[in-house]
Amino acid sequence: MTWQWIRFALSAACLVTGLVFMILAVFGVNRFHRALNRMHAAAMGDTLGILFVLLGLIVIAGPGFDALKLFLVVLFFWVASPVAGHMISRLEATTDEDLGEIEVKGHEDI
């Protein structure tokens, strides 16, 4: 009985942590102005959010075939997400002419 409550609390903590990372990623994507900065915020929230949410589901599912399938989904996301992000950022870097310009505000501009 106690083990079930510990498992429930651990899975709930993982689910809430994953949701917090995803919500913070939404704010990060809306706050940043450049595409590469937005991609970085989305990738971090996506990777950590999915990890914690699926880890919570693995804990609640317990040992078995369902947990193995969820682990394989986590593994797929952790392999595919950086590759997709790299390809999109490379496309942005090669097609954006203003990417090299850095906006610096001096004390005169404030």
C-alpha atoms as a PDB file:
ATOM      1  CA  MET A   1       0.000   0.000   0.000  1.00  0.00           C
ATOM      2  CA  THR A   2       2.779   2.446   0.882  1.00  0.00           C
ATOM      3  CA  TRP A   3       4.678   1.556  -2.298  1.00  0.00           C
ATOM      4  CA  GLN A   4       1.665   2.522  -4.405  1.00  0.00           C
ATOM      5  CA  TRP A   5       1.473   5.954  -2.768  1.00  0.00           C
ATOM      6  CA  ILE A   6       5.205   6.513  -3.280  1.00  0.00           C
ATOM      7  CA  ARG A   7       4.862   5.499  -6.920  1.00  0.00           C
ATOM      8  CA  PHE A   8       1.875   7.807  -7.343  1.00  0.00           C
ATOM      9  CA  ALA A   9       3.695  10.751  -5.721  1.00  0.00           C
ATOM     10  CA  LEU A  10       6.808  10.188  -7.837  1.00  0.00           C
ATOM     11  CA  SER A  11       4.820   9.951 -11.061  1.00  0.00           C
ATOM     12  CA  ALA A  12       2.757  13.044 -10.167  1.00  0.00           C
ATOM     13  CA  ALA A  13       5.959  14.986  -9.438  1.00  0.00           C
ATOM     14  CA  CYS A  14       7.408  13.949 -12.804  1.00  0.00           C
ATOM     15  CA  LEU A  15       4.217  14.890 -14.652  1.00  0.00           C
ATOM     16  CA  VAL A  16       4.010  18.302 -12.979  1.00  0.00           C
ATOM     17  CA  THR A  17       7.717  18.953 -13.637  1.00  0.00           C
ATOM     18  CA  GLY A  18       7.254  18.086 -17.307  1.00  0.00           C
ATOM     19  CA  LEU A  19       4.249  20.379 -17.597  1.00  0.00           C
ATOM     20  CA  VAL A  20       6.180  23.216 -15.946  1.00  0.00           C
ATOM     21  CA  PHE A  21       9.020  22.823 -18.464  1.00  0.00           C
ATOM     22  CA  MET A  22       6.555  22.854 -21.359  1.00  0.00           C
ATOM     23  CA  ILE A  23       4.749  25.945 -20.045  1.00  0.00           C
ATOM     24  CA  LEU A  24       8.056  27.761 -19.551  1.00  0.00           C
ATOM     25  CA  ALA A  25       8.986  26.856 -23.126  1.00  0.00           C
ATOM     26  CA  VAL A  26       5.778  28.481 -24.361  1.00  0.00           C
ATOM     27  CA  PHE A  27       6.723  31.715 -22.589  1.00  0.00           C
ATOM     28  CA  GLY A  28      10.252  31.476 -23.965  1.00  0.00           C
ATOM     29  CA  VAL A  29       9.028  31.012 -27.518  1.00  0.00           C
ATOM     30  CA  ASN A  30       6.704  34.005 -27.218  1.00  0.00           C
ATOM     31  CA  ARG A  31       9.299  36.229 -25.556  1.00  0.00           C
ATOM     32  CA  PHE A  32      12.216  35.853 -27.977  1.00  0.00           C
ATOM     33  CA  HIS A  33      12.257  37.683 -31.301  1.00  0.00           C
ATOM     34  CA  ARG A  34      14.760  35.765 -33.426  1.00  0.00           C
ATOM     35  CA  ALA A  35      13.980  32.369 -34.886  1.00  0.00           C
ATOM     36  CA  LEU A  36      17.075  30.628 -33.518  1.00  0.00           C
ATOM     37  CA  ASN A  37      16.394  31.869 -29.988  1.00  0.00           C
ATOM     38  CA  ARG A  38      12.819  30.659 -30.236  1.00  0.00           C
ATOM     39  CA  MET A  39      14.000  27.275 -31.456  1.00  0.00           C
ATOM     40  CA  HIS A  40      16.368  26.953 -28.506  1.00  0.00           C
ATOM     41  CA  ALA A  41      13.597  27.687 -26.006  1.00  0.00           C
ATOM     42  CA  ALA A  42      11.240  25.263 -27.751  1.00  0.00           C
ATOM     43  CA  ALA A  43      13.853  22.505 -27.957  1.00  0.00           C
ATOM     44  CA  MET A  44      14.776  22.710 -24.283  1.00  0.00           C
ATOM     45  CA  GLY A  45      11.155  22.681 -23.161  1.00  0.00           C
ATOM     46  CA  ASP A  46      10.283  19.951 -25.597  1.00  0.00           C
ATOM     47  CA  THR A  47      13.149  17.672 -24.617  1.00  0.00           C
ATOM     48  CA  LEU A  48      12.865  18.062 -20.855  1.00  0.00           C
ATOM     49  CA  GLY A  49       9.061  18.271 -20.842  1.00  0.00           C
ATOM     50  CA  ILE A  50       8.587  15.093 -22.824  1.00  0.00           C
ATOM     51  CA  LEU A  51      11.248  13.331 -20.750  1.00  0.00           C
ATOM     52  CA  PHE A  52       9.567  14.098 -17.432  1.00  0.00           C
ATOM     53  CA  VAL A  53       6.009  13.474 -18.646  1.00  0.00           C
ATOM     54  CA  LEU A  54       6.884  10.106 -20.140  1.00  0.00           C
ATOM     55  CA  LEU A  55       9.034   9.248 -17.115  1.00  0.00           C
ATOM     56  CA  GLY A  56       5.987   9.879 -14.930  1.00  0.00           C
ATOM     57  CA  LEU A  57       3.936   7.612 -17.171  1.00  0.00           C
ATOM     58  CA  ILE A  58       6.632   4.925 -16.978  1.00  0.00           C
ATOM     59  CA  VAL A  59       6.593   5.080 -13.178  1.00  0.00           C
ATOM     60  CA  ILE A  60       2.795   4.833 -13.005  1.00  0.00           C
ATOM     61  CA  ALA A  61       2.706   1.987 -15.555  1.00  0.00           C
ATOM     62  CA  GLY A  62       5.171  -0.078 -13.560  1.00  0.00           C
ATOM     63  CA  PRO A  63       7.523  -2.663 -14.985  1.00  0.00           C
ATOM     64  CA  GLY A  64       6.252  -4.270 -18.136  1.00  0.00           C
ATOM     65  CA  PHE A  65       5.831  -3.928 -21.861  1.00  0.00           C
ATOM     66  CA  ASP A  66       4.038  -0.571 -21.615  1.00  0.00           C
ATOM     67  CA  ALA A  67       6.997   0.951 -19.768  1.00  0.00           C
ATOM     68  CA  LEU A  68       9.357  -0.418 -22.401  1.00  0.00           C
ATOM     69  CA  LYS A  69       7.316   1.167 -25.185  1.00  0.00           C
ATOM     70  CA  LEU A  70       7.262   4.507 -23.363  1.00  0.00           C
ATOM     71  CA  PHE A  71      11.024   4.302 -22.872  1.00  0.00           C
ATOM     72  CA  LEU A  72      11.452   3.696 -26.606  1.00  0.00           C
ATOM     73  CA  VAL A  73       9.321   6.782 -27.318  1.00  0.00           C
ATOM     74  CA  VAL A  74      11.598   8.834 -25.029  1.00  0.00           C
ATOM     75  CA  LEU A  75      14.639   7.426 -26.801  1.00  0.00           C
ATOM     76  CA  PHE A  76      13.170   8.272 -30.215  1.00  0.00           C
ATOM     77  CA  PHE A  77      12.387  11.857 -29.172  1.00  0.00           C
ATOM     78  CA  TRP A  78      15.863  12.313 -27.703  1.00  0.00           C
ATOM     79  CA  VAL A  79      17.436  11.117 -30.965  1.00  0.00           C
ATOM     80  CA  ALA A  80      15.082  12.824 -33.432  1.00  0.00           C
ATOM     81  CA  SER A  81      14.559  16.210 -31.764  1.00  0.00           C
ATOM     82  CA  PRO A  82      18.177  17.467 -31.889  1.00  0.00           C
ATOM     83  CA  VAL A  83      18.535  16.325 -35.495  1.00  0.00           C
ATOM     84  CA  ALA A  84      15.334  18.089 -36.532  1.00  0.00           C
ATOM     85  CA  GLY A  85      16.319  21.224 -34.605  1.00  0.00           C
ATOM     86  CA  HIS A  86      19.747  21.252 -36.229  1.00  0.00           C
ATOM     87  CA  MET A  87      18.266  20.912 -39.703  1.00  0.00           C
ATOM     88  CA  ILE A  88      15.774  23.736 -39.116  1.00  0.00           C
ATOM     89  CA  SER A  89      18.423  26.026 -37.603  1.00  0.00           C
ATOM     90  CA  ARG A  90      20.777  25.302 -40.490  1.00  0.00           C
ATOM     91  CA  LEU A  91      18.021  26.231 -42.941  1.00  0.00           C
ATOM     92  CA  GLU A  92      17.396  29.452 -41.014  1.00  0.00           C
ATOM     93  CA  ALA A  93      21.103  30.273 -40.931  1.00  0.00           C
ATOM     94  CA  THR A  94      21.552  29.758 -44.671  1.00  0.00           C
ATOM     95  CA  THR A  95      18.436  31.638 -45.778  1.00  0.00           C
ATOM     96  CA  ASP A  96      18.396  34.627 -43.381  1.00  0.00           C
ATOM     97  CA  GLU A  97      20.498  37.552 -44.526  1.00  0.00           C
ATOM     98  CA  ASP A  98      20.134  39.465 -41.237  1.00  0.00           C
ATOM     99  CA  LEU A  99      21.284  36.603 -39.029  1.00  0.00           C
ATOM    100  CA  GLY A 100      24.791  37.996 -38.644  1.00  0.00           C
ATOM    101  CA  GLU A 101      23.615  41.381 -37.422  1.00  0.00           C
ATOM    102  CA  ILE A 102      23.555  41.785 -33.673  1.00  0.00           C
ATOM    103  CA  GLU A 103      21.380  44.400 -32.072  1.00  0.00           C
ATOM    104  CA  VAL A 104      23.342  46.209 -29.362  1.00  0.00           C
ATOM    105  CA  LYS A 105      21.758  49.054 -27.439  1.00  0.00           C
ATOM    106  CA  GLY A 106      24.208  51.626 -26.147  1.00  0.00           C
ATOM    107  CA  HIS A 107      23.533  54.164 -23.459  1.00  0.00           C
ATOM    108  CA  GLU A 108      22.445  56.637 -26.167  1.00  0.00           C
ATOM    109  CA  ASP A 109      19.682  54.303 -27.375  1.00  0.00           C
ATOM    110  CA  ILE A 110      18.056  53.755 -24.015  1.00  0.00           C
END
